[in-house]
Structure formats: C-alpha cells, structure tokens
Amino acid sequence: AVVSTQSTGDKLPGKRIAAFTLDQINPTSCAGYANIFIHCGINDLRQNGDVRECVNKLTSKLDQICEICPSSRINVSPILPTRLAHLNGKARMFNDMLFYYLNKVN
C-alpha cells in the first residue's frame, strides 16, 4: 500500500503516506479527505505467504476507513504482476478475493 508525507503536487493536492505493509496502514490518517487511494503491493505476500490473511487484513483496514470516512471515495488498485511466477499466482488469488470483497460492499 502506498501512502508519503509529501504533497502529491499542484494538480493533485493532498497528502501521501508511505505504508509498505498492510499493518502500517493507519485508517485514521484518511480522515478529512474526499478521495483516498490505496495501491496494493506485493510486500505482505512476499513476507507472509497466506493470501487469505493478507486479504483479511486489507479488507479490515478498508472497513475501518469506511467507518471513519463515510463520505469519502475510496479507490483501491490491485497488485500488479511481478517477474516472479510464484508470487504472480498469489497476486492473482489476492486480487480475485479483493475484487469479490469490493463487489460485495459496493
């Protein structure tokens, strides 16, 4: 997940906060923003091979963000393919589970 304390630029005002693992996502840091972007990465799948646990962590964070920011638009990008075939399989599983969750809550 990507989020940094730098501004996103004149065209995209706001705040970026770096969260290199799912545990580092702080839902309260999203308060006050109309648009929230979560860019999923491979770090958690690389460190902890349990795809379901990773999806559960992310969806729990998304649920918390929805509670804290009910009028915000939350945008979630899936994990992009990597050069490592064994991680691509996990990424596809993660994305499938994530899309299932997102379709349920929307």
N, C-alpha and C. Protein backbone atom coordinates (compact mmCIF):
# COMPACT_ATOMS: atom_id res chain seq x y z
N ALA A 1 0.85 -1.17 0.00
CA ALA A 1 0.00 0.00 0.00
C ALA A 1 0.90 1.23 0.00
N VAL A 2 0.58 2.19 -0.79
CA VAL A 2 1.41 3.40 -0.85
C VAL A 2 0.63 4.57 -0.31
N VAL A 3 1.25 5.26 0.48
CA VAL A 3 0.69 6.47 1.01
C VAL A 3 1.93 7.27 1.45
N SER A 4 2.91 8.88 1.48
CA SER A 4 4.12 9.56 1.91
C SER A 4 3.72 10.93 2.43
N THR A 5 4.47 11.47 3.23
CA THR A 5 4.14 12.77 3.81
C THR A 5 4.34 13.90 2.82
N GLN A 6 4.72 13.59 1.59
CA GLN A 6 4.91 14.61 0.57
C GLN A 6 3.58 14.99 -0.05
N SER A 7 3.51 16.20 -0.58
CA SER A 7 2.34 16.62 -1.33
C SER A 7 2.32 15.84 -2.64
N THR A 8 1.14 15.63 -3.17
CA THR A 8 1.04 14.92 -4.44
C THR A 8 1.15 15.87 -5.62
N GLY A 9 1.44 17.15 -5.37
CA GLY A 9 1.63 18.11 -6.46
C GLY A 9 0.49 19.08 -6.58
N ASP A 10 0.70 20.10 -7.41
CA ASP A 10 -0.31 21.14 -7.58
C ASP A 10 -1.60 20.60 -8.18
N LYS A 11 -1.47 19.65 -9.09
CA LYS A 11 -2.66 19.11 -9.76
C LYS A 11 -3.42 18.13 -8.88
N LEU A 12 -2.72 17.51 -7.93
CA LEU A 12 -3.34 16.55 -7.02
C LEU A 12 -3.00 16.93 -5.58
N PRO A 13 -3.70 17.93 -5.04
CA PRO A 13 -3.39 18.34 -3.67
C PRO A 13 -3.74 17.23 -2.69
N GLY A 14 -3.06 17.20 -1.60
CA GLY A 14 -3.35 16.20 -0.60
C GLY A 14 -2.09 15.72 0.07
N LYS A 15 -2.16 14.57 0.64
CA LYS A 15 -1.05 14.03 1.39
C LYS A 15 -0.84 12.58 0.99
N ARG A 16 0.43 12.20 0.85
CA ARG A 16 0.79 10.82 0.57
C ARG A 16 1.45 10.25 1.82
N ILE A 17 1.06 9.06 2.20
CA ILE A 17 1.61 8.41 3.38
C ILE A 17 2.15 7.05 2.97
N ALA A 18 3.41 6.79 3.27
CA ALA A 18 4.02 5.50 2.91
C ALA A 18 3.59 4.44 3.91
N ALA A 19 3.08 3.36 3.39
CA ALA A 19 2.73 2.19 4.20
C ALA A 19 3.21 0.98 3.40
N PHE A 20 4.33 0.44 3.77
CA PHE A 20 4.95 -0.61 2.97
C PHE A 20 4.37 -2.00 3.25
N THR A 21 3.61 -2.12 4.33
CA THR A 21 2.90 -3.37 4.62
C THR A 21 1.48 -3.00 5.06
N LEU A 22 0.61 -3.95 5.06
CA LEU A 22 -0.78 -3.71 5.44
C LEU A 22 -0.88 -3.25 6.89
N ASP A 23 -0.04 -3.78 7.77
CA ASP A 23 -0.06 -3.37 9.17
C ASP A 23 0.24 -1.89 9.34
N GLN A 24 0.96 -1.30 8.41
CA GLN A 24 1.34 0.10 8.52
C GLN A 24 0.26 1.07 8.05
N ILE A 25 -0.82 0.57 7.48
CA ILE A 25 -1.92 1.44 7.06
C ILE A 25 -2.66 1.90 8.31
N ASN A 26 -2.76 3.22 8.48
CA ASN A 26 -3.47 3.79 9.62
C ASN A 26 -4.76 4.43 9.11
N PRO A 27 -5.90 3.79 9.31
CA PRO A 27 -7.15 4.32 8.78
C PRO A 27 -7.48 5.74 9.25
N THR A 28 -7.05 6.13 10.45
CA THR A 28 -7.36 7.47 10.93
C THR A 28 -6.63 8.55 10.14
N SER A 29 -5.54 8.20 9.46
CA SER A 29 -4.83 9.20 8.66
C SER A 29 -5.61 9.58 7.40
N CYS A 30 -6.68 8.87 7.11
CA CYS A 30 -7.51 9.17 5.93
C CYS A 30 -8.60 10.18 6.24
N ALA A 31 -8.80 10.48 7.51
CA ALA A 31 -9.88 11.39 7.91
C ALA A 31 -9.71 12.76 7.26
N GLY A 32 -10.80 13.28 6.75
CA GLY A 32 -10.80 14.62 6.18
C GLY A 32 -10.54 14.69 4.69
N TYR A 33 -10.33 13.56 4.05
CA TYR A 33 -10.04 13.56 2.62
C TYR A 33 -11.25 13.04 1.83
N ALA A 34 -11.55 13.68 0.72
CA ALA A 34 -12.67 13.27 -0.12
C ALA A 34 -12.33 12.05 -0.96
N ASN A 35 -11.06 11.93 -1.35
CA ASN A 35 -10.61 10.81 -2.18
C ASN A 35 -9.44 10.12 -1.50
N ILE A 36 -9.53 8.82 -1.40
CA ILE A 36 -8.49 8.01 -0.76
C ILE A 36 -8.05 6.95 -1.76
N PHE A 37 -6.74 6.83 -1.95
CA PHE A 37 -6.19 5.85 -2.90
C PHE A 37 -5.32 4.86 -2.14
N ILE A 38 -5.61 3.59 -2.33
CA ILE A 38 -4.81 2.51 -1.75
C ILE A 38 -4.22 1.73 -2.93
N HIS A 39 -2.90 1.71 -3.01
CA HIS A 39 -2.20 0.97 -4.06
C HIS A 39 -1.60 -0.28 -3.43
N CYS A 40 -2.14 -1.42 -3.78
CA CYS A 40 -1.69 -2.68 -3.18
C CYS A 40 -0.35 -3.11 -3.78
N GLY A 41 0.49 -3.63 -2.92
CA GLY A 41 1.80 -4.12 -3.34
C GLY A 41 2.01 -5.56 -2.90
N ILE A 42 3.16 -6.08 -3.21
CA ILE A 42 3.46 -7.49 -3.01
C ILE A 42 4.15 -7.80 -1.68
N ASN A 43 4.55 -6.77 -0.92
CA ASN A 43 5.36 -6.98 0.28
C ASN A 43 4.76 -7.98 1.26
N ASP A 44 3.49 -7.84 1.58
CA ASP A 44 2.88 -8.76 2.54
C ASP A 44 2.85 -10.19 2.03
N LEU A 45 2.57 -10.36 0.75
CA LEU A 45 2.56 -11.72 0.18
C LEU A 45 3.96 -12.31 0.16
N ARG A 46 4.94 -11.49 -0.02
CA ARG A 46 6.33 -11.96 -0.03
C ARG A 46 6.76 -12.38 1.37
N GLN A 47 6.37 -11.59 2.38
CA GLN A 47 6.78 -11.85 3.76
C GLN A 47 5.93 -12.93 4.42
N ASN A 48 4.64 -12.91 4.11
CA ASN A 48 3.70 -13.85 4.72
C ASN A 48 2.91 -14.47 3.57
N GLY A 49 3.14 -15.71 3.29
CA GLY A 49 2.55 -16.34 2.12
C GLY A 49 1.05 -16.60 2.19
N ASP A 50 0.41 -16.29 3.31
CA ASP A 50 -1.01 -16.60 3.47
C ASP A 50 -1.86 -15.52 2.79
N VAL A 51 -2.35 -15.83 1.62
CA VAL A 51 -3.11 -14.87 0.82
C VAL A 51 -4.37 -14.44 1.54
N ARG A 52 -5.10 -15.39 2.11
CA ARG A 52 -6.36 -15.06 2.79
C ARG A 52 -6.13 -14.11 3.96
N GLU A 53 -5.05 -14.35 4.71
CA GLU A 53 -4.74 -13.46 5.84
C GLU A 53 -4.44 -12.04 5.35
N CYS A 54 -3.73 -11.93 4.25
CA CYS A 54 -3.42 -10.61 3.68
C CYS A 54 -4.69 -9.90 3.23
N VAL A 55 -5.57 -10.62 2.56
CA VAL A 55 -6.84 -10.02 2.11
C VAL A 55 -7.67 -9.60 3.32
N ASN A 56 -7.71 -10.44 4.34
CA ASN A 56 -8.48 -10.11 5.54
C ASN A 56 -7.93 -8.85 6.22
N LYS A 57 -6.61 -8.72 6.26
CA LYS A 57 -6.01 -7.50 6.84
C LYS A 57 -6.42 -6.27 6.05
N LEU A 58 -6.33 -6.35 4.72
CA LEU A 58 -6.68 -5.20 3.90
C LEU A 58 -8.16 -4.86 4.01
N THR A 59 -9.02 -5.85 3.93
CA THR A 59 -10.45 -5.57 3.99
C THR A 59 -10.85 -5.02 5.36
N SER A 60 -10.17 -5.45 6.41
CA SER A 60 -10.42 -4.89 7.74
C SER A 60 -10.04 -3.41 7.76
N LYS A 61 -8.89 -3.07 7.17
CA LYS A 61 -8.47 -1.67 7.09
C LYS A 61 -9.47 -0.86 6.26
N LEU A 62 -9.94 -1.43 5.15
CA LEU A 62 -10.91 -0.73 4.31
C LEU A 62 -12.22 -0.50 5.06
N ASP A 63 -12.66 -1.50 5.82
CA ASP A 63 -13.88 -1.33 6.63
C ASP A 63 -13.72 -0.20 7.64
N GLN A 64 -12.53 -0.14 8.27
CA GLN A 64 -12.27 0.93 9.23
C GLN A 64 -12.27 2.29 8.56
N ILE A 65 -11.65 2.38 7.38
CA ILE A 65 -11.63 3.64 6.64
C ILE A 65 -13.06 4.06 6.28
N CYS A 66 -13.88 3.11 5.87
CA CYS A 66 -15.28 3.41 5.54
C CYS A 66 -16.04 3.96 6.75
N GLU A 67 -15.75 3.42 7.92
CA GLU A 67 -16.41 3.90 9.14
C GLU A 67 -15.95 5.31 9.49
N ILE A 68 -14.64 5.57 9.37
CA ILE A 68 -14.07 6.86 9.72
C ILE A 68 -14.42 7.93 8.68
N CYS A 69 -14.48 7.53 7.43
CA CYS A 69 -14.69 8.46 6.30
C CYS A 69 -15.87 8.02 5.45
N PRO A 70 -17.09 8.06 5.98
CA PRO A 70 -18.23 7.51 5.25
C PRO A 70 -18.55 8.21 3.93
N SER A 71 -18.16 9.48 3.79
CA SER A 71 -18.48 10.18 2.54
C SER A 71 -17.30 10.23 1.57
N SER A 72 -16.18 9.63 1.94
CA SER A 72 -15.01 9.63 1.06
C SER A 72 -15.15 8.58 -0.03
N ARG A 73 -14.52 8.87 -1.14
CA ARG A 73 -14.44 7.89 -2.23
C ARG A 73 -13.12 7.14 -2.06
N ILE A 74 -13.20 5.83 -1.92
CA ILE A 74 -12.01 5.01 -1.69
C ILE A 74 -11.69 4.26 -2.97
N ASN A 75 -10.48 4.46 -3.48
CA ASN A 75 -10.02 3.82 -4.71
C ASN A 75 -8.94 2.81 -4.34
N VAL A 76 -9.11 1.57 -4.79
CA VAL A 76 -8.16 0.51 -4.46
C VAL A 76 -7.62 -0.08 -5.76
N SER A 77 -6.31 -0.07 -5.88
CA SER A 77 -5.70 -0.69 -7.06
C SER A 77 -5.20 -2.08 -6.67
N PRO A 78 -5.31 -3.04 -7.59
CA PRO A 78 -4.87 -4.40 -7.30
C PRO A 78 -3.34 -4.51 -7.33
N ILE A 79 -2.86 -5.68 -6.95
CA ILE A 79 -1.43 -5.97 -7.05
C ILE A 79 -1.08 -6.16 -8.52
N LEU A 80 -0.04 -5.48 -8.97
CA LEU A 80 0.42 -5.63 -10.35
C LEU A 80 1.29 -6.86 -10.49
N PRO A 81 1.38 -7.43 -11.69
CA PRO A 81 2.23 -8.61 -11.91
C PRO A 81 3.69 -8.33 -11.60
N THR A 82 4.40 -9.37 -11.22
CA THR A 82 5.83 -9.27 -10.95
C THR A 82 6.57 -10.21 -11.90
N ARG A 83 7.88 -10.23 -11.80
CA ARG A 83 8.68 -11.17 -12.60
C ARG A 83 8.73 -12.56 -11.98
N LEU A 84 8.26 -12.68 -10.73
CA LEU A 84 8.34 -13.94 -10.01
C LEU A 84 7.03 -14.72 -10.15
N ALA A 85 7.08 -15.82 -10.87
CA ALA A 85 5.87 -16.58 -11.18
C ALA A 85 5.12 -17.04 -9.94
N HIS A 86 5.85 -17.49 -8.92
CA HIS A 86 5.17 -17.99 -7.72
C HIS A 86 4.43 -16.86 -6.99
N LEU A 87 4.92 -15.64 -7.07
CA LEU A 87 4.20 -14.52 -6.46
C LEU A 87 3.04 -14.05 -7.34
N ASN A 88 3.16 -14.22 -8.65
CA ASN A 88 2.06 -13.84 -9.53
C ASN A 88 0.81 -14.66 -9.24
N GLY A 89 0.99 -15.93 -8.96
CA GLY A 89 -0.16 -16.78 -8.61
C GLY A 89 -0.84 -16.27 -7.34
N LYS A 90 -0.03 -15.92 -6.34
CA LYS A 90 -0.59 -15.38 -5.10
C LYS A 90 -1.24 -14.02 -5.34
N ALA A 91 -0.63 -13.21 -6.19
CA ALA A 91 -1.20 -11.90 -6.51
C ALA A 91 -2.55 -12.05 -7.19
N ARG A 92 -2.67 -13.00 -8.10
CA ARG A 92 -3.96 -13.23 -8.78
C ARG A 92 -5.02 -13.67 -7.76
N MET A 93 -4.64 -14.56 -6.85
CA MET A 93 -5.59 -15.00 -5.81
C MET A 93 -6.00 -13.82 -4.94
N PHE A 94 -5.02 -13.01 -4.53
CA PHE A 94 -5.29 -11.83 -3.71
C PHE A 94 -6.26 -10.90 -4.44
N ASN A 95 -5.97 -10.59 -5.69
CA ASN A 95 -6.82 -9.69 -6.47
C ASN A 95 -8.22 -10.24 -6.63
N ASP A 96 -8.35 -11.54 -6.89
CA ASP A 96 -9.68 -12.15 -7.02
C ASP A 96 -10.49 -11.99 -5.74
N MET A 97 -9.84 -12.25 -4.59
CA MET A 97 -10.54 -12.12 -3.30
C MET A 97 -10.86 -10.66 -3.01
N LEU A 98 -9.95 -9.76 -3.37
CA LEU A 98 -10.17 -8.34 -3.16
C LEU A 98 -11.34 -7.86 -4.02
N PHE A 99 -11.38 -8.25 -5.29
CA PHE A 99 -12.48 -7.84 -6.17
C PHE A 99 -13.82 -8.39 -5.67
N TYR A 100 -13.82 -9.61 -5.14
CA TYR A 100 -15.04 -10.18 -4.58
C TYR A 100 -15.54 -9.31 -3.43
N TYR A 101 -14.63 -8.94 -2.52
CA TYR A 101 -14.98 -8.07 -1.39
C TYR A 101 -15.53 -6.72 -1.90
N LEU A 102 -14.80 -6.10 -2.82
CA LEU A 102 -15.19 -4.79 -3.31
C LEU A 102 -16.56 -4.83 -4.01
N ASN A 103 -16.83 -5.89 -4.73
CA ASN A 103 -18.15 -6.02 -5.38
C ASN A 103 -19.26 -6.21 -4.34
N LYS A 104 -18.94 -6.85 -3.22
CA LYS A 104 -19.93 -7.04 -2.16
C LYS A 104 -20.28 -5.74 -1.46
N VAL A 105 -19.28 -4.90 -1.20
CA VAL A 105 -19.52 -3.68 -0.43
C VAL A 105 -20.01 -2.52 -1.29
N ASN A 106 -19.88 -2.61 -2.59
CA ASN A 106 -20.34 -1.52 -3.48
C ASN A 106 -21.72 -1.77 -3.99
